[in-house]
């Protein structure tokens, strides 16, 4: 899993039928100290995250293991909204 911050939403009126009804969020990876990294990904939101929230994200085949993403063309999914991170070196 990867820590990230939701920084935007992707709107796509024309898309694969299997993605209909899914909210697509732009997530930028976070370092442990909370700084935003240059890498970003578009992820299906399975938990109702909003812009500015810190989230956990699963990628690859693990992204297709939630109830809403099972057997769908998804490579990243937001699986949790993070309340707090306690880690050595984190701010």
N, C-alpha and C. Protein backbone atom coordinates (compact mmCIF):
# COMPACT_ATOMS: atom_id res chain seq x y z
N UNK A 1 0.83 -1.18 0.00
CA UNK A 1 0.00 0.00 0.00
C UNK A 1 0.88 1.25 0.00
N UNK A 2 0.30 2.34 -0.46
CA UNK A 2 1.01 3.59 -0.60
C UNK A 2 0.23 4.70 0.10
N UNK A 3 0.94 5.57 0.82
CA UNK A 3 0.31 6.76 1.39
C UNK A 3 0.20 7.82 0.31
N UNK A 4 -0.91 8.52 0.27
CA UNK A 4 -1.08 9.57 -0.71
C UNK A 4 -2.02 10.65 -0.24
N UNK A 5 -2.11 11.70 -1.04
CA UNK A 5 -3.01 12.81 -0.76
C UNK A 5 -3.88 13.02 -1.98
N UNK A 6 -5.19 13.10 -1.79
CA UNK A 6 -6.11 13.34 -2.89
C UNK A 6 -5.98 14.81 -3.30
N UNK A 7 -5.64 15.04 -4.57
CA UNK A 7 -5.42 16.41 -5.05
C UNK A 7 -6.38 16.81 -6.15
N UNK A 8 -7.24 15.91 -6.58
CA UNK A 8 -8.18 16.26 -7.64
C UNK A 8 -9.07 15.11 -8.03
N UNK A 9 -9.97 15.40 -8.95
CA UNK A 9 -10.93 14.42 -9.45
C UNK A 9 -10.84 14.37 -10.97
N UNK A 10 -10.98 13.19 -11.54
CA UNK A 10 -11.02 13.03 -12.99
C UNK A 10 -12.47 12.76 -13.40
N UNK A 11 -12.96 13.54 -14.34
CA UNK A 11 -14.31 13.36 -14.87
C UNK A 11 -14.17 12.78 -16.27
N UNK A 12 -14.83 11.66 -16.53
CA UNK A 12 -14.76 11.01 -17.85
C UNK A 12 -16.17 10.55 -18.23
N UNK A 13 -16.80 11.25 -19.15
CA UNK A 13 -18.15 10.85 -19.55
C UNK A 13 -18.12 9.65 -20.48
N UNK A 14 -17.04 9.50 -21.23
CA UNK A 14 -16.89 8.33 -22.10
C UNK A 14 -15.79 7.47 -21.52
N UNK A 15 -16.16 6.26 -21.12
CA UNK A 15 -15.22 5.35 -20.49
C UNK A 15 -15.71 3.92 -20.64
N UNK A 16 -14.86 2.97 -20.29
CA UNK A 16 -15.26 1.57 -20.31
C UNK A 16 -16.50 1.41 -19.44
N UNK A 17 -17.44 0.65 -19.91
CA UNK A 17 -18.71 0.43 -19.22
C UNK A 17 -18.51 -0.07 -17.78
N UNK A 18 -17.45 -0.84 -17.54
CA UNK A 18 -17.20 -1.38 -16.21
C UNK A 18 -16.77 -0.32 -15.20
N UNK A 19 -16.45 0.89 -15.67
CA UNK A 19 -16.07 1.98 -14.76
C UNK A 19 -17.22 2.92 -14.44
N UNK A 20 -18.38 2.68 -15.02
CA UNK A 20 -19.54 3.52 -14.77
C UNK A 20 -19.88 3.54 -13.28
N UNK A 21 -20.09 4.74 -12.76
CA UNK A 21 -20.44 4.91 -11.36
C UNK A 21 -19.27 4.98 -10.41
N UNK A 22 -18.06 4.82 -10.91
CA UNK A 22 -16.88 4.88 -10.05
C UNK A 22 -16.30 6.29 -10.02
N UNK A 23 -15.95 6.77 -8.84
CA UNK A 23 -15.33 8.07 -8.67
C UNK A 23 -13.83 7.92 -8.86
N UNK A 24 -13.25 8.71 -9.75
CA UNK A 24 -11.83 8.64 -10.05
C UNK A 24 -11.12 9.84 -9.43
N UNK A 25 -10.16 9.57 -8.55
CA UNK A 25 -9.44 10.61 -7.84
C UNK A 25 -7.97 10.64 -8.26
N UNK A 26 -7.40 11.84 -8.28
CA UNK A 26 -5.97 11.99 -8.53
C UNK A 26 -5.29 11.97 -7.16
N UNK A 27 -4.35 11.04 -6.99
CA UNK A 27 -3.67 10.88 -5.70
C UNK A 27 -2.17 11.07 -5.93
N UNK A 28 -1.57 11.98 -5.16
CA UNK A 28 -0.11 12.16 -5.19
C UNK A 28 0.49 11.42 -4.01
N UNK A 29 1.57 10.71 -4.25
CA UNK A 29 2.24 9.96 -3.18
C UNK A 29 2.80 10.92 -2.14
N UNK A 30 2.83 10.44 -0.88
CA UNK A 30 3.39 11.20 0.23
C UNK A 30 4.61 10.49 0.81
N UNK A 31 5.59 11.28 1.23
CA UNK A 31 6.70 10.75 2.01
C UNK A 31 6.24 10.66 3.46
N UNK A 32 6.97 9.95 4.30
CA UNK A 32 6.58 9.80 5.70
C UNK A 32 6.50 11.13 6.45
N UNK A 33 7.27 12.12 6.02
CA UNK A 33 7.22 13.41 6.69
C UNK A 33 6.05 14.27 6.19
N UNK A 34 5.25 13.72 5.30
CA UNK A 34 4.07 14.43 4.81
C UNK A 34 4.29 15.25 3.56
N UNK A 35 5.52 15.30 3.06
CA UNK A 35 5.76 16.06 1.84
C UNK A 35 5.22 15.30 0.64
N UNK A 36 4.70 16.08 -0.29
CA UNK A 36 4.11 15.49 -1.49
C UNK A 36 5.21 15.17 -2.48
N UNK A 37 5.18 13.98 -3.04
CA UNK A 37 6.17 13.56 -4.05
C UNK A 37 5.65 13.89 -5.44
N UNK A 38 6.52 13.79 -6.44
CA UNK A 38 6.15 14.12 -7.82
C UNK A 38 5.24 13.08 -8.46
N UNK A 39 5.25 11.86 -7.96
CA UNK A 39 4.48 10.77 -8.58
C UNK A 39 2.99 10.87 -8.22
N UNK A 40 2.14 10.68 -9.23
CA UNK A 40 0.70 10.67 -8.98
C UNK A 40 0.06 9.52 -9.74
N UNK A 41 -1.15 9.17 -9.34
CA UNK A 41 -1.89 8.10 -9.98
C UNK A 41 -3.38 8.45 -9.92
N UNK A 42 -4.13 7.96 -10.88
CA UNK A 42 -5.59 8.07 -10.83
C UNK A 42 -6.11 6.78 -10.22
N UNK A 43 -6.88 6.91 -9.15
CA UNK A 43 -7.36 5.74 -8.41
C UNK A 43 -8.87 5.79 -8.24
N UNK A 44 -9.49 4.61 -8.26
CA UNK A 44 -10.91 4.50 -7.94
C UNK A 44 -11.06 4.72 -6.44
N UNK A 45 -12.03 5.53 -6.06
CA UNK A 45 -12.28 5.82 -4.65
C UNK A 45 -13.33 4.85 -4.11
N UNK A 46 -12.92 3.95 -3.23
CA UNK A 46 -13.87 2.98 -2.68
C UNK A 46 -14.36 3.36 -1.28
N UNK A 47 -13.88 4.51 -0.75
CA UNK A 47 -14.22 4.87 0.64
C UNK A 47 -14.80 6.27 0.81
N UNK A 48 -15.00 7.01 -0.27
CA UNK A 48 -15.57 8.34 -0.16
C UNK A 48 -14.59 9.42 0.28
N UNK A 49 -13.34 9.31 -0.17
CA UNK A 49 -12.32 10.30 0.18
C UNK A 49 -12.56 11.61 -0.57
N UNK A 50 -12.11 12.69 0.04
CA UNK A 50 -12.25 14.00 -0.59
C UNK A 50 -10.91 14.65 -0.84
N UNK A 51 -10.93 15.72 -1.61
CA UNK A 51 -9.71 16.45 -1.93
C UNK A 51 -9.08 16.96 -0.63
N UNK A 52 -7.76 16.78 -0.52
CA UNK A 52 -7.01 17.21 0.65
C UNK A 52 -6.82 16.12 1.69
N UNK A 53 -7.53 15.00 1.56
CA UNK A 53 -7.41 13.94 2.56
C UNK A 53 -6.21 13.03 2.27
N UNK A 54 -5.61 12.55 3.35
CA UNK A 54 -4.54 11.56 3.25
C UNK A 54 -5.19 10.18 3.18
N UNK A 55 -4.72 9.35 2.25
CA UNK A 55 -5.36 8.06 2.00
C UNK A 55 -4.32 6.96 1.87
N UNK A 56 -4.79 5.72 1.98
CA UNK A 56 -4.00 4.54 1.63
C UNK A 56 -4.52 4.04 0.30
N UNK A 57 -3.59 3.62 -0.54
CA UNK A 57 -3.96 3.20 -1.88
C UNK A 57 -3.28 1.87 -2.20
N UNK A 58 -4.04 0.95 -2.78
CA UNK A 58 -3.50 -0.32 -3.27
C UNK A 58 -3.38 -0.23 -4.78
N UNK A 59 -2.34 -0.87 -5.32
CA UNK A 59 -2.11 -0.83 -6.76
C UNK A 59 -1.89 -2.21 -7.33
N UNK A 60 -1.95 -2.30 -8.65
CA UNK A 60 -1.73 -3.56 -9.33
C UNK A 60 -2.90 -4.51 -9.13
N UNK A 61 -2.61 -5.81 -9.09
CA UNK A 61 -3.68 -6.80 -8.97
C UNK A 61 -4.44 -6.65 -7.65
N UNK A 62 -3.79 -6.12 -6.62
CA UNK A 62 -4.48 -5.89 -5.34
C UNK A 62 -5.60 -4.87 -5.47
N UNK A 63 -5.50 -3.98 -6.44
CA UNK A 63 -6.53 -2.96 -6.64
C UNK A 63 -7.85 -3.57 -7.12
N UNK A 64 -7.81 -4.77 -7.60
CA UNK A 64 -9.02 -5.44 -8.09
C UNK A 64 -9.60 -6.40 -7.06
N UNK A 65 -9.29 -6.19 -5.78
CA UNK A 65 -9.76 -7.08 -4.72
C UNK A 65 -10.88 -6.50 -3.87
N UNK A 66 -11.29 -5.24 -4.10
CA UNK A 66 -12.39 -4.68 -3.32
C UNK A 66 -13.71 -5.10 -3.95
N UNK A 67 -14.78 -4.93 -3.21
CA UNK A 67 -16.10 -5.30 -3.74
C UNK A 67 -16.45 -4.52 -5.01
N UNK A 68 -16.11 -3.24 -5.06
CA UNK A 68 -16.51 -2.44 -6.23
C UNK A 68 -15.55 -2.55 -7.41
N UNK A 69 -14.33 -3.04 -7.18
CA UNK A 69 -13.36 -3.11 -8.29
C UNK A 69 -13.10 -4.52 -8.80
N UNK A 70 -13.69 -5.50 -8.18
CA UNK A 70 -13.42 -6.89 -8.55
C UNK A 70 -13.65 -7.14 -10.05
N UNK A 71 -12.63 -7.66 -10.70
CA UNK A 71 -12.67 -8.02 -12.13
C UNK A 71 -12.96 -6.84 -13.06
N UNK A 72 -12.53 -5.65 -12.64
CA UNK A 72 -12.72 -4.46 -13.47
C UNK A 72 -11.35 -3.93 -13.90
N UNK A 73 -11.29 -3.12 -14.96
CA UNK A 73 -10.01 -2.62 -15.46
C UNK A 73 -9.45 -1.49 -14.59
N UNK A 74 -9.01 -1.85 -13.39
CA UNK A 74 -8.54 -0.87 -12.40
C UNK A 74 -7.12 -1.24 -11.98
N UNK A 75 -6.26 -0.23 -11.87
CA UNK A 75 -4.88 -0.47 -11.44
C UNK A 75 -4.56 0.18 -10.11
N UNK A 76 -5.46 1.03 -9.59
CA UNK A 76 -5.24 1.67 -8.29
C UNK A 76 -6.59 1.94 -7.64
N UNK A 77 -6.65 1.74 -6.31
CA UNK A 77 -7.88 1.98 -5.57
C UNK A 77 -7.55 2.58 -4.21
N UNK A 78 -8.33 3.57 -3.81
CA UNK A 78 -8.21 4.14 -2.47
C UNK A 78 -8.96 3.21 -1.53
N UNK A 79 -8.23 2.69 -0.52
CA UNK A 79 -8.83 1.69 0.38
C UNK A 79 -9.06 2.19 1.79
N UNK A 80 -8.51 3.36 2.15
CA UNK A 80 -8.68 3.89 3.50
C UNK A 80 -8.41 5.38 3.52
N UNK A 81 -9.10 6.09 4.43
CA UNK A 81 -8.80 7.48 4.74
C UNK A 81 -7.98 7.46 6.03
N UNK A 82 -6.81 8.07 5.99
CA UNK A 82 -5.86 8.01 7.11
C UNK A 82 -6.18 9.12 8.12
N UNK A 83 -6.29 8.73 9.39
CA UNK A 83 -6.51 9.70 10.45
C UNK A 83 -5.19 10.24 10.99
N UNK A 84 -4.18 9.38 11.08
CA UNK A 84 -2.91 9.77 11.68
C UNK A 84 -1.82 8.78 11.24
N UNK A 85 -0.60 9.29 11.12
CA UNK A 85 0.55 8.42 10.83
C UNK A 85 1.56 8.62 11.95
N UNK A 86 1.91 7.55 12.63
CA UNK A 86 2.95 7.58 13.66
C UNK A 86 4.13 6.77 13.12
N UNK A 87 5.22 7.46 12.78
CA UNK A 87 6.39 6.77 12.25
C UNK A 87 7.63 7.58 12.56
N UNK A 88 8.72 6.89 12.80
CA UNK A 88 9.97 7.56 13.03
C UNK A 88 10.34 8.37 11.79
N UNK A 89 10.69 9.61 11.98
CA UNK A 89 11.04 10.46 10.85
C UNK A 89 9.85 11.19 10.25
N UNK A 90 8.66 10.89 10.73
CA UNK A 90 7.47 11.58 10.23
C UNK A 90 7.23 12.85 11.05
N UNK A 91 6.70 13.85 10.40
CA UNK A 91 6.42 15.11 11.10
C UNK A 91 5.14 15.00 11.90
